[in-house]
Structures are given as structure tokens and as C-alpha cells.
Amino acid sequence: MRVDFGVKPCVYPMPVFIIASYDEKGVPNAMNAAWGGISEENEISLCISAGHKTTKNILASRAFTVSMATADTVAQCDYVGIVSGNKVPDKLEKCGFHTEKSLFVNAPLITELPMAVECKLKSYDADTCRLVGEIVNVCADESILTDGKIDPLKLRPITYDPSGHGYYVLGEKVGSAFSDGRKV
């Protein structure tokens, strides 16, 4: 028997994205956002409200990065989500994150987060809070690669549980895409 929960933002897995940007003075900022995903082959869409410091920065700089939050950085990634850059301008420094400038867009890469999607702003709709970025590069630290490819078991990305408000690490491989279905 199924149990109805009504209208809730529940999908699994729900990624935990850390969106980073520079302000007009070149100060890095980041926020935690779970509502988003790939919307085209070279496009990412996120739902972030206009009041966020990160949103203001992105609209001014027209660029941002999206890093995958990891099991090793849960506390820091949660911190950048619960503390506003509008009130704490040095929140990245306070949580121990370090940044370097992307080679592809005018946005910071967070050193402690080993994978990032580097984006140029395509559009932002303040009414729907939908931010769309053009993916211009994906970068990953060599430490999370296996045979030259990003290895999710080494990356250890976390997912957000909107029902129980927990973070969970993604786990074991259970199949092979574009292959297992051929057995049917």
C-alpha cells in the first residue's frame, strides 16, 4: 500500500550542489543548493532565489561554478547553505574552503571539492528562480579519476533527503548503463 505525502520536493537522488561566484570586488562566495540538474547536453538548471548573494554575483559576473558536495566535506557544504553571504562575506574562509580562479569562466573553483562544472550564465528568471548555465568545462582532480574518467566511488558525492533532512553518500554500482537492458 502506498502512502500519500502531498506536494513535496522529493526526488531521489537529489544532488547537493555548491554554487560558487565572485562579487564585484572579486571576493568568492558559495551556496548550497539541491534543486537542479542537467537540462540539456551542455546546460545545467538550478532553482535559486534572487535574494541570495550568489544569485546577485552571478547576474553581475555572468559566470559560476557548480561543485558536487562530497562525503568528506559535509559540514563545510552544509555551512555554506545555512550561512548567508549577505551577512557573512568571508564564509568560505570561515569554513576552511580555499579557491582558485577557473581558467574558463570568471568564477572560483573550490579546492576542497574535487569536481566542478564551469558555467556561463544563459538566463535567469526571478519569477521562477530558474537559473540556466551553459556548461563550458567540467574539471576534476586526478585523485577521483579511474582510467581517465570521473569515478563516483572516489568522488563520494552526497545526496540530500528532503523528507528526513539528511545527507547520504552515493554507493555501490548496481548495473551498466546502455548494456543491462539488452538482457530483457
N, C-alpha and C. Protein backbone atom coordinates (compact mmCIF):
# COMPACT_ATOMS: atom_id res chain seq x y z
N MET A 1 0.84 -1.18 0.00
CA MET A 1 0.00 0.00 0.00
C MET A 1 0.89 1.25 0.00
N ARG A 2 0.56 2.20 -0.84
CA ARG A 2 1.31 3.46 -0.92
C ARG A 2 0.77 4.46 0.09
N VAL A 3 1.65 5.34 0.56
CA VAL A 3 1.28 6.42 1.46
C VAL A 3 1.43 7.73 0.69
N ASP A 4 0.43 8.58 0.71
CA ASP A 4 0.48 9.87 0.03
C ASP A 4 1.08 10.93 0.94
N PHE A 5 1.98 11.75 0.38
CA PHE A 5 2.63 12.83 1.13
C PHE A 5 2.22 14.20 0.63
N GLY A 6 1.42 14.27 -0.41
CA GLY A 6 1.03 15.56 -0.96
C GLY A 6 2.14 16.15 -1.80
N VAL A 7 2.04 17.43 -2.05
CA VAL A 7 3.02 18.13 -2.88
C VAL A 7 4.27 18.38 -2.06
N LYS A 8 5.36 17.74 -2.43
CA LYS A 8 6.65 17.87 -1.74
C LYS A 8 7.76 17.85 -2.79
N PRO A 9 8.88 18.54 -2.54
CA PRO A 9 10.01 18.49 -3.49
C PRO A 9 10.87 17.26 -3.23
N CYS A 10 10.32 16.09 -3.48
CA CYS A 10 11.03 14.84 -3.20
C CYS A 10 11.36 14.09 -4.48
N VAL A 11 12.64 13.99 -4.79
CA VAL A 11 13.15 13.10 -5.82
C VAL A 11 14.44 12.50 -5.26
N TYR A 12 14.77 11.32 -5.73
CA TYR A 12 15.97 10.64 -5.23
C TYR A 12 16.79 10.11 -6.40
N PRO A 13 18.08 10.29 -6.43
CA PRO A 13 18.83 11.13 -5.51
C PRO A 13 18.67 12.60 -5.87
N MET A 14 18.75 13.46 -4.86
CA MET A 14 18.71 14.90 -5.06
C MET A 14 20.14 15.39 -4.84
N PRO A 15 20.78 15.91 -5.89
CA PRO A 15 22.18 16.31 -5.75
C PRO A 15 22.36 17.44 -4.75
N VAL A 16 23.53 17.52 -4.19
CA VAL A 16 23.90 18.65 -3.33
C VAL A 16 24.95 19.42 -4.12
N PHE A 17 24.54 20.55 -4.67
CA PHE A 17 25.41 21.39 -5.48
C PHE A 17 25.94 22.54 -4.64
N ILE A 18 27.20 22.86 -4.83
CA ILE A 18 27.78 24.05 -4.22
C ILE A 18 28.07 25.01 -5.37
N ILE A 19 27.33 26.10 -5.39
CA ILE A 19 27.41 27.08 -6.46
C ILE A 19 28.32 28.21 -6.01
N ALA A 20 29.37 28.48 -6.78
CA ALA A 20 30.35 29.50 -6.40
C ALA A 20 30.40 30.61 -7.44
N SER A 21 30.65 31.82 -6.94
CA SER A 21 30.71 33.00 -7.80
C SER A 21 31.60 34.05 -7.15
N TYR A 22 31.96 35.05 -7.92
CA TYR A 22 32.70 36.21 -7.41
C TYR A 22 31.75 37.40 -7.33
N ASP A 23 31.97 38.25 -6.31
CA ASP A 23 31.23 39.50 -6.27
C ASP A 23 31.97 40.55 -7.11
N GLU A 24 31.45 41.76 -7.09
CA GLU A 24 32.02 42.83 -7.93
C GLU A 24 33.46 43.19 -7.54
N LYS A 25 33.90 42.81 -6.33
CA LYS A 25 35.27 43.09 -5.88
C LYS A 25 36.17 41.86 -6.03
N GLY A 26 35.64 40.78 -6.57
CA GLY A 26 36.43 39.56 -6.75
C GLY A 26 36.48 38.67 -5.53
N VAL A 27 35.58 38.91 -4.55
CA VAL A 27 35.52 38.08 -3.35
C VAL A 27 34.68 36.85 -3.66
N PRO A 28 35.22 35.63 -3.40
CA PRO A 28 34.45 34.43 -3.69
C PRO A 28 33.34 34.18 -2.68
N ASN A 29 32.27 33.60 -3.14
CA ASN A 29 31.14 33.23 -2.29
C ASN A 29 30.60 31.90 -2.83
N ALA A 30 29.93 31.16 -1.98
CA ALA A 30 29.31 29.91 -2.41
C ALA A 30 28.06 29.64 -1.59
N MET A 31 27.16 28.87 -2.18
CA MET A 31 25.94 28.46 -1.50
C MET A 31 25.65 27.00 -1.83
N ASN A 32 24.87 26.38 -0.98
CA ASN A 32 24.43 25.00 -1.14
C ASN A 32 23.05 25.03 -1.78
N ALA A 33 22.86 24.26 -2.84
CA ALA A 33 21.55 24.19 -3.50
C ALA A 33 21.28 22.76 -3.93
N ALA A 34 20.11 22.27 -3.67
CA ALA A 34 19.77 20.89 -4.02
C ALA A 34 18.82 20.81 -5.22
N TRP A 35 18.17 21.89 -5.56
CA TRP A 35 17.18 21.82 -6.63
C TRP A 35 17.82 22.18 -7.95
N GLY A 36 18.22 21.15 -8.71
CA GLY A 36 18.82 21.41 -10.00
C GLY A 36 19.26 20.14 -10.69
N GLY A 37 19.73 20.32 -11.92
CA GLY A 37 20.23 19.18 -12.66
C GLY A 37 20.54 19.56 -14.09
N ILE A 38 21.00 18.58 -14.85
CA ILE A 38 21.32 18.78 -16.25
C ILE A 38 20.00 18.94 -17.01
N SER A 39 19.91 20.00 -17.84
CA SER A 39 18.67 20.22 -18.58
C SER A 39 18.87 20.12 -20.09
N GLU A 40 20.07 20.12 -20.56
CA GLU A 40 20.46 19.89 -21.95
C GLU A 40 21.87 19.32 -21.89
N GLU A 41 22.39 18.87 -23.02
CA GLU A 41 23.72 18.26 -23.03
C GLU A 41 24.80 19.21 -22.52
N ASN A 42 24.66 20.50 -22.81
CA ASN A 42 25.65 21.47 -22.34
C ASN A 42 25.01 22.55 -21.47
N GLU A 43 24.04 22.14 -20.65
CA GLU A 43 23.27 23.10 -19.87
C GLU A 43 22.90 22.53 -18.51
N ILE A 44 23.00 23.37 -17.49
CA ILE A 44 22.57 23.00 -16.14
C ILE A 44 21.53 24.02 -15.69
N SER A 45 20.51 23.56 -15.00
CA SER A 45 19.47 24.43 -14.47
C SER A 45 19.39 24.27 -12.97
N LEU A 46 19.25 25.39 -12.29
CA LEU A 46 19.20 25.41 -10.83
C LEU A 46 18.06 26.32 -10.39
N CYS A 47 17.53 26.05 -9.22
CA CYS A 47 16.49 26.90 -8.66
C CYS A 47 17.09 27.63 -7.46
N ILE A 48 17.39 28.93 -7.66
CA ILE A 48 17.91 29.74 -6.55
C ILE A 48 17.23 31.10 -6.57
N SER A 49 16.83 31.58 -5.40
CA SER A 49 16.07 32.82 -5.33
C SER A 49 16.96 34.04 -5.54
N ALA A 50 16.33 35.13 -5.92
CA ALA A 50 17.03 36.37 -6.24
C ALA A 50 17.73 36.99 -5.03
N GLY A 51 17.28 36.67 -3.83
CA GLY A 51 17.86 37.28 -2.64
C GLY A 51 19.22 36.75 -2.23
N HIS A 52 19.64 35.64 -2.80
CA HIS A 52 20.94 35.08 -2.44
C HIS A 52 22.08 35.95 -2.97
N LYS A 53 23.12 36.10 -2.18
CA LYS A 53 24.33 36.81 -2.61
C LYS A 53 24.89 36.15 -3.87
N THR A 54 24.87 34.84 -3.92
CA THR A 54 25.37 34.11 -5.08
C THR A 54 24.60 34.49 -6.34
N THR A 55 23.28 34.59 -6.25
CA THR A 55 22.48 34.97 -7.41
C THR A 55 22.87 36.37 -7.89
N LYS A 56 23.00 37.30 -6.97
CA LYS A 56 23.40 38.67 -7.34
C LYS A 56 24.76 38.65 -8.02
N ASN A 57 25.69 37.88 -7.47
CA ASN A 57 27.03 37.79 -8.06
C ASN A 57 26.98 37.23 -9.47
N ILE A 58 26.20 36.17 -9.66
CA ILE A 58 26.11 35.53 -10.98
C ILE A 58 25.51 36.49 -12.00
N LEU A 59 24.49 37.22 -11.61
CA LEU A 59 23.87 38.16 -12.53
C LEU A 59 24.85 39.27 -12.92
N ALA A 60 25.73 39.65 -12.01
CA ALA A 60 26.73 40.69 -12.30
C ALA A 60 27.90 40.14 -13.11
N SER A 61 28.41 38.97 -12.74
CA SER A 61 29.61 38.42 -13.39
C SER A 61 29.30 37.56 -14.61
N ARG A 62 28.04 37.08 -14.69
CA ARG A 62 27.58 36.22 -15.80
C ARG A 62 28.29 34.87 -15.84
N ALA A 63 28.79 34.41 -14.67
CA ALA A 63 29.52 33.13 -14.61
C ALA A 63 29.40 32.53 -13.22
N PHE A 64 29.57 31.19 -13.16
CA PHE A 64 29.54 30.49 -11.88
C PHE A 64 30.11 29.09 -12.06
N THR A 65 30.43 28.45 -10.95
CA THR A 65 30.82 27.04 -10.97
C THR A 65 29.85 26.27 -10.08
N VAL A 66 29.69 25.00 -10.41
CA VAL A 66 28.84 24.11 -9.63
C VAL A 66 29.69 22.90 -9.26
N SER A 67 29.98 22.76 -7.97
CA SER A 67 30.76 21.62 -7.49
C SER A 67 29.83 20.62 -6.83
N MET A 68 30.24 19.36 -6.85
CA MET A 68 29.50 18.32 -6.18
C MET A 68 29.94 18.29 -4.73
N ALA A 69 29.01 18.40 -3.80
CA ALA A 69 29.34 18.25 -2.39
C ALA A 69 29.74 16.80 -2.16
N THR A 70 30.67 16.58 -1.25
CA THR A 70 31.19 15.23 -1.03
C THR A 70 31.04 14.80 0.43
N ALA A 71 31.16 13.50 0.64
CA ALA A 71 31.05 12.95 1.99
C ALA A 71 32.13 13.52 2.90
N ASP A 72 33.30 13.83 2.33
CA ASP A 72 34.41 14.36 3.13
C ASP A 72 34.22 15.82 3.52
N THR A 73 33.26 16.51 2.89
CA THR A 73 33.08 17.94 3.15
C THR A 73 31.65 18.28 3.58
N VAL A 74 30.97 17.34 4.20
CA VAL A 74 29.56 17.55 4.56
C VAL A 74 29.39 18.79 5.44
N ALA A 75 30.17 18.95 6.48
CA ALA A 75 29.99 20.09 7.40
C ALA A 75 30.20 21.42 6.68
N GLN A 76 31.26 21.51 5.88
CA GLN A 76 31.53 22.76 5.17
C GLN A 76 30.43 23.05 4.14
N CYS A 77 30.00 22.02 3.43
CA CYS A 77 28.95 22.21 2.42
C CYS A 77 27.62 22.59 3.05
N ASP A 78 27.31 22.03 4.20
CA ASP A 78 26.10 22.42 4.90
C ASP A 78 26.21 23.86 5.40
N TYR A 79 27.40 24.23 5.90
CA TYR A 79 27.63 25.58 6.41
C TYR A 79 27.36 26.64 5.35
N VAL A 80 27.86 26.42 4.12
CA VAL A 80 27.64 27.45 3.08
C VAL A 80 26.18 27.52 2.66
N GLY A 81 25.38 26.55 3.10
CA GLY A 81 23.96 26.59 2.84
C GLY A 81 23.15 27.24 3.94
N ILE A 82 23.66 27.22 5.16
CA ILE A 82 22.89 27.79 6.27
C ILE A 82 23.35 29.20 6.65
N VAL A 83 24.50 29.62 6.12
CA VAL A 83 25.02 30.96 6.41
C VAL A 83 24.95 31.79 5.13
N SER A 84 24.38 32.97 5.22
CA SER A 84 24.20 33.83 4.06
C SER A 84 25.45 34.66 3.77
N GLY A 85 25.83 34.71 2.50
CA GLY A 85 26.92 35.58 2.08
C GLY A 85 26.55 37.05 2.20
N ASN A 86 25.25 37.35 2.29
CA ASN A 86 24.82 38.73 2.52
C ASN A 86 25.18 39.19 3.93
N LYS A 87 25.29 38.24 4.86
CA LYS A 87 25.60 38.58 6.25
C LYS A 87 27.03 38.22 6.66
N VAL A 88 27.58 37.16 6.04
CA VAL A 88 28.94 36.69 6.37
C VAL A 88 29.74 36.64 5.06
N PRO A 89 30.39 37.77 4.70
CA PRO A 89 31.08 37.82 3.41
C PRO A 89 32.29 36.89 3.30
N ASP A 90 32.85 36.46 4.42
CA ASP A 90 34.03 35.58 4.39
C ASP A 90 33.68 34.15 4.80
N LYS A 91 32.48 33.72 4.45
CA LYS A 91 32.03 32.40 4.91
C LYS A 91 32.87 31.27 4.34
N LEU A 92 33.43 31.41 3.15
CA LEU A 92 34.29 30.35 2.62
C LEU A 92 35.55 30.19 3.47
N GLU A 93 36.13 31.31 3.83
CA GLU A 93 37.32 31.28 4.70
C GLU A 93 36.97 30.69 6.05
N LYS A 94 35.82 31.06 6.60
CA LYS A 94 35.41 30.56 7.92
C LYS A 94 35.23 29.05 7.94
N CYS A 95 34.78 28.47 6.83
CA CYS A 95 34.56 27.02 6.82
C CYS A 95 35.79 26.25 6.32
N GLY A 96 36.86 26.97 5.99
CA GLY A 96 38.09 26.30 5.59
C GLY A 96 38.21 25.98 4.12
N PHE A 97 37.32 26.54 3.30
CA PHE A 97 37.42 26.34 1.86
C PHE A 97 38.40 27.34 1.25
N HIS A 98 39.15 26.88 0.25
CA HIS A 98 40.08 27.71 -0.50
C HIS A 98 39.62 27.73 -1.95
N THR A 99 39.94 28.79 -2.66
CA THR A 99 39.51 28.89 -4.06
C THR A 99 40.65 29.26 -4.98
N GLU A 100 40.43 28.93 -6.24
CA GLU A 100 41.30 29.37 -7.32
C GLU A 100 40.39 29.75 -8.47
N LYS A 101 40.86 30.67 -9.32
CA LYS A 101 40.03 31.13 -10.43
C LYS A 101 39.96 30.08 -11.53
N SER A 102 38.78 29.86 -12.04
CA SER A 102 38.59 28.98 -13.19
C SER A 102 39.35 29.53 -14.39
N LEU A 103 39.87 28.65 -15.21
CA LEU A 103 40.53 29.06 -16.44
C LEU A 103 39.53 29.36 -17.55
N PHE A 104 38.25 28.96 -17.35
CA PHE A 104 37.26 29.05 -18.41
C PHE A 104 36.19 30.12 -18.19
N VAL A 105 35.88 30.42 -16.93
CA VAL A 105 34.85 31.42 -16.62
C VAL A 105 35.32 32.28 -15.45
N ASN A 106 34.70 33.42 -15.28
CA ASN A 106 35.05 34.33 -14.19
C ASN A 106 34.33 33.90 -12.91
N ALA A 107 34.79 32.77 -12.37
CA ALA A 107 34.17 32.21 -11.16
C ALA A 107 35.21 31.36 -10.44
N PRO A 108 35.03 31.18 -9.12
CA PRO A 108 36.00 30.40 -8.36
C PRO A 108 35.74 28.90 -8.40
N LEU A 109 36.82 28.15 -8.32
CA LEU A 109 36.77 26.71 -8.08
C LEU A 109 37.15 26.51 -6.63
N ILE A 110 36.43 25.66 -5.93
CA ILE A 110 36.73 25.38 -4.52
C ILE A 110 37.68 24.19 -4.48
N THR A 111 38.87 24.43 -3.96
CA THR A 111 39.95 23.44 -3.96
C THR A 111 39.54 22.13 -3.29
N GLU A 112 38.82 22.21 -2.20
CA GLU A 112 38.44 21.02 -1.44
C GLU A 112 37.35 20.18 -2.10
N LEU A 113 36.70 20.71 -3.11
CA LEU A 113 35.67 19.97 -3.83
C LEU A 113 36.26 19.53 -5.16
N PRO A 114 36.49 18.23 -5.34
CA PRO A 114 37.31 17.74 -6.45
C PRO A 114 36.68 17.71 -7.84
N MET A 115 35.42 18.09 -7.96
CA MET A 115 34.78 18.11 -9.28
C MET A 115 33.93 19.37 -9.40
N ALA A 116 34.00 20.00 -10.57
CA ALA A 116 33.20 21.20 -10.78
C ALA A 116 32.76 21.30 -12.23
N VAL A 117 31.60 21.92 -12.41
CA VAL A 117 31.06 22.25 -13.72
C VAL A 117 31.20 23.77 -13.83
N GLU A 118 31.90 24.23 -14.87
CA GLU A 118 32.15 25.65 -15.05
C GLU A 118 31.17 26.21 -16.08
N CYS A 119 30.48 27.28 -15.70
CA CYS A 119 29.33 27.74 -16.50
C CYS A 119 29.33 29.24 -16.77
N LYS A 120 28.76 29.57 -17.93
CA LYS A 120 28.41 30.94 -18.26
C LYS A 120 26.91 31.06 -18.09
N LEU A 121 26.46 32.19 -17.57
CA LEU A 121 25.02 32.41 -17.40
C LEU A 121 24.32 32.49 -18.74
N LYS A 122 23.28 31.67 -18.91
CA LYS A 122 22.44 31.74 -20.11
C LYS A 122 21.21 32.60 -19.82
N SER A 123 20.58 32.33 -18.66
CA SER A 123 19.37 33.09 -18.33
C SER A 123 19.06 32.94 -16.84
N TYR A 124 18.27 33.90 -16.38
CA TYR A 124 17.74 33.82 -15.01
C TYR A 124 16.35 34.43 -15.02
N ASP A 125 15.39 33.71 -14.44
CA ASP A 125 14.02 34.18 -14.33
C ASP A 125 13.71 34.35 -12.84
N ALA A 126 13.63 35.60 -12.40
CA ALA A 126 13.39 35.88 -10.98
C ALA A 126 12.02 35.38 -10.51
N ASP A 127 11.04 35.30 -11.41
CA ASP A 127 9.71 34.83 -11.03
C ASP A 127 9.71 33.35 -10.68
N THR A 128 10.46 32.55 -11.45
CA THR A 128 10.50 31.11 -11.20
C THR A 128 11.76 30.68 -10.45
N CYS A 129 12.70 31.62 -10.28
CA CYS A 129 14.00 31.35 -9.63
C CYS A 129 14.87 30.39 -10.45
N ARG A 130 14.59 30.23 -11.74
CA ARG A 130 15.33 29.29 -12.58
C ARG A 130 16.55 29.97 -13.18
N LEU A 131 17.70 29.43 -12.81
CA LEU A 131 19.00 29.88 -13.33
C LEU A 131 19.49 28.83 -14.30
N VAL A 132 19.86 29.25 -15.50
CA VAL A 132 20.34 28.32 -16.52
C VAL A 132 21.76 28.71 -16.89
N GLY A 133 22.66 27.74 -16.85
CA GLY A 133 24.04 27.98 -17.21
C GLY A 133 24.46 27.12 -18.38
N GLU A 134 25.30 27.71 -19.25
CA GLU A 134 25.91 26.96 -20.33
C GLU A 134 27.19 26.32 -19.78
N ILE A 135 27.29 25.02 -19.87
CA ILE A 135 28.48 24.31 -19.40
C ILE A 135 29.59 24.54 -20.41
N VAL A 136 30.70 25.14 -19.95
CA VAL A 136 31.83 25.37 -20.84
C VAL A 136 33.01 24.45 -20.52
N ASN A 137 32.97 23.83 -19.33
CA ASN A 137 34.02 22.87 -18.97
C ASN A 137 33.59 22.11 -17.72
N VAL A 138 34.08 20.89 -17.62
CA VAL A 138 33.98 20.11 -16.39
C VAL A 138 35.40 19.77 -16.00
N CYS A 139 35.75 20.02 -14.75
CA CYS A 139 37.10 19.69 -14.30
C CYS A 139 37.02 18.78 -13.07
N ALA A 140 38.04 17.95 -12.93
CA ALA A 140 38.09 17.02 -11.80
C ALA A 140 39.53 16.82 -11.38
N ASP A 141 39.74 16.72 -10.08
CA ASP A 141 41.05 16.44 -9.54
C ASP A 141 41.45 15.00 -9.92
N GLU A 142 42.73 14.81 -10.22
CA GLU A 142 43.20 13.48 -10.61
C GLU A 142 42.91 12.42 -9.56
N SER A 143 42.78 12.83 -8.30
CA SER A 143 42.57 11.88 -7.21
C SER A 143 41.24 11.14 -7.32
N ILE A 144 40.29 11.66 -8.10
CA ILE A 144 38.98 10.99 -8.23
C ILE A 144 38.81 10.33 -9.59
N LEU A 145 39.90 10.17 -10.33
CA LEU A 145 39.82 9.54 -11.64
C LEU A 145 40.24 8.08 -11.58
N THR A 146 39.60 7.27 -12.40
CA THR A 146 39.99 5.89 -12.65
C THR A 146 39.98 5.70 -14.15
N ASP A 147 41.10 5.30 -14.70
CA ASP A 147 41.25 5.13 -16.15
C ASP A 147 40.85 6.39 -16.91
N GLY A 148 41.20 7.56 -16.34
CA GLY A 148 40.94 8.82 -17.01
C GLY A 148 39.51 9.31 -16.95
N LYS A 149 38.65 8.65 -16.16
CA LYS A 149 37.24 9.04 -16.04
C LYS A 149 36.92 9.33 -14.58
N ILE A 150 35.93 10.20 -14.37
CA ILE A 150 35.49 10.51 -13.01
C ILE A 150 34.90 9.25 -12.40
N ASP A 151 35.39 8.90 -11.23
CA ASP A 151 34.97 7.70 -10.52
C ASP A 151 34.07 8.11 -9.35
N PRO A 152 32.76 7.86 -9.43
CA PRO A 152 31.86 8.27 -8.34
C PRO A 152 32.22 7.66 -6.99
N LEU A 153 32.84 6.48 -6.99
CA LEU A 153 33.23 5.87 -5.72
C LEU A 153 34.38 6.63 -5.06
N LYS A 154 35.21 7.28 -5.86
CA LYS A 154 36.28 8.12 -5.33
C LYS A 154 35.78 9.53 -5.02
N LEU A 155 34.89 10.05 -5.85
CA LEU A 155 34.31 11.38 -5.62
C LEU A 155 33.48 11.40 -4.34
N ARG A 156 32.69 10.37 -4.13
CA ARG A 156 31.80 10.24 -2.97
C ARG A 156 30.82 11.41 -2.85
N PRO A 157 30.07 11.68 -3.95
CA PRO A 157 29.09 12.77 -3.89
C PRO A 157 27.98 12.42 -2.92
N ILE A 158 27.41 13.46 -2.33
CA ILE A 158 26.31 13.23 -1.40
C ILE A 158 24.99 13.63 -2.06
N THR A 159 23.94 13.06 -1.54
CA THR A 159 22.59 13.38 -1.98
C THR A 159 21.81 13.87 -0.75
N TYR A 160 20.84 14.72 -1.00
CA TYR A 160 20.02 15.30 0.06
C TYR A 160 18.69 14.57 0.13
N ASP A 161 18.28 14.22 1.33
CA ASP A 161 16.98 13.60 1.57
C ASP A 161 16.02 14.69 2.04
N PRO A 162 15.15 15.20 1.15
CA PRO A 162 14.24 16.28 1.54
C PRO A 162 13.18 15.85 2.54
N SER A 163 12.93 14.57 2.68
CA SER A 163 11.93 14.09 3.61
C SER A 163 12.48 14.05 5.04
N GLY A 164 13.67 13.51 5.21
CA GLY A 164 14.26 13.39 6.54
C GLY A 164 15.37 14.38 6.83
N HIS A 165 15.66 15.27 5.87
CA HIS A 165 16.70 16.30 6.01
C HIS A 165 18.06 15.73 6.33
N GLY A 166 18.43 14.66 5.64
CA GLY A 166 19.74 14.06 5.83
C GLY A 166 20.56 14.12 4.56
N TYR A 167 21.86 13.91 4.72
CA TYR A 167 22.77 13.78 3.59
C TYR A 167 23.23 12.33 3.54
N TYR A 168 23.28 11.78 2.34
CA TYR A 168 23.71 10.40 2.16
C TYR A 168 24.74 10.33 1.05
N VAL A 169 25.73 9.49 1.23
CA VAL A 169 26.73 9.30 0.20
C VAL A 169 26.20 8.28 -0.81
N LEU A 170 26.48 8.53 -2.08
CA LEU A 170 26.10 7.55 -3.10
C LEU A 170 27.01 6.34 -2.97
N GLY A 171 26.52 5.19 -3.30
CA GLY A 171 27.26 3.97 -3.02
C GLY A 171 27.60 3.10 -4.21
N GLU A 172 27.37 1.85 -4.04
CA GLU A 172 27.85 0.83 -4.96
C GLU A 172 27.24 0.89 -6.36
N LYS A 173 27.99 0.40 -7.31
CA LYS A 173 27.50 0.26 -8.68
C LYS A 173 26.59 -0.97 -8.72
N VAL A 174 25.40 -0.80 -9.34
CA VAL A 174 24.45 -1.91 -9.39
C VAL A 174 24.13 -2.35 -10.80
N GLY A 175 24.72 -1.70 -11.80
CA GLY A 175 24.44 -2.07 -13.18
C GLY A 175 25.28 -1.30 -14.15
N SER A 176 25.11 -1.61 -15.44
CA SER A 176 25.83 -0.94 -16.51
C SER A 176 24.83 -0.30 -17.47
N ALA A 177 24.91 1.01 -17.63
CA ALA A 177 24.00 1.74 -18.49
C ALA A 177 24.22 1.37 -19.96
N PHE A 178 23.15 1.37 -20.72
CA PHE A 178 23.16 1.07 -22.15
C PHE A 178 23.64 -0.36 -22.42
N SER A 179 23.54 -1.20 -21.42
CA SER A 179 24.01 -2.57 -21.56
C SER A 179 23.06 -3.57 -20.89
N ASP A 180 22.78 -3.37 -19.60
CA ASP A 180 21.97 -4.33 -18.85
C ASP A 180 20.58 -4.54 -19.45
N GLY A 181 20.02 -3.51 -20.03
CA GLY A 181 18.69 -3.61 -20.62
C GLY A 181 18.62 -4.55 -21.82
N ARG A 182 19.75 -4.82 -22.40
CA ARG A 182 19.78 -5.73 -23.55
C ARG A 182 19.45 -7.17 -23.16
N LYS A 183 19.52 -7.46 -21.87
CA LYS A 183 19.22 -8.82 -21.38
C LYS A 183 17.71 -9.08 -21.38
N VAL A 184 16.93 -8.03 -21.43
CA VAL A 184 15.47 -8.17 -21.34
C VAL A 184 14.88 -8.74 -22.60
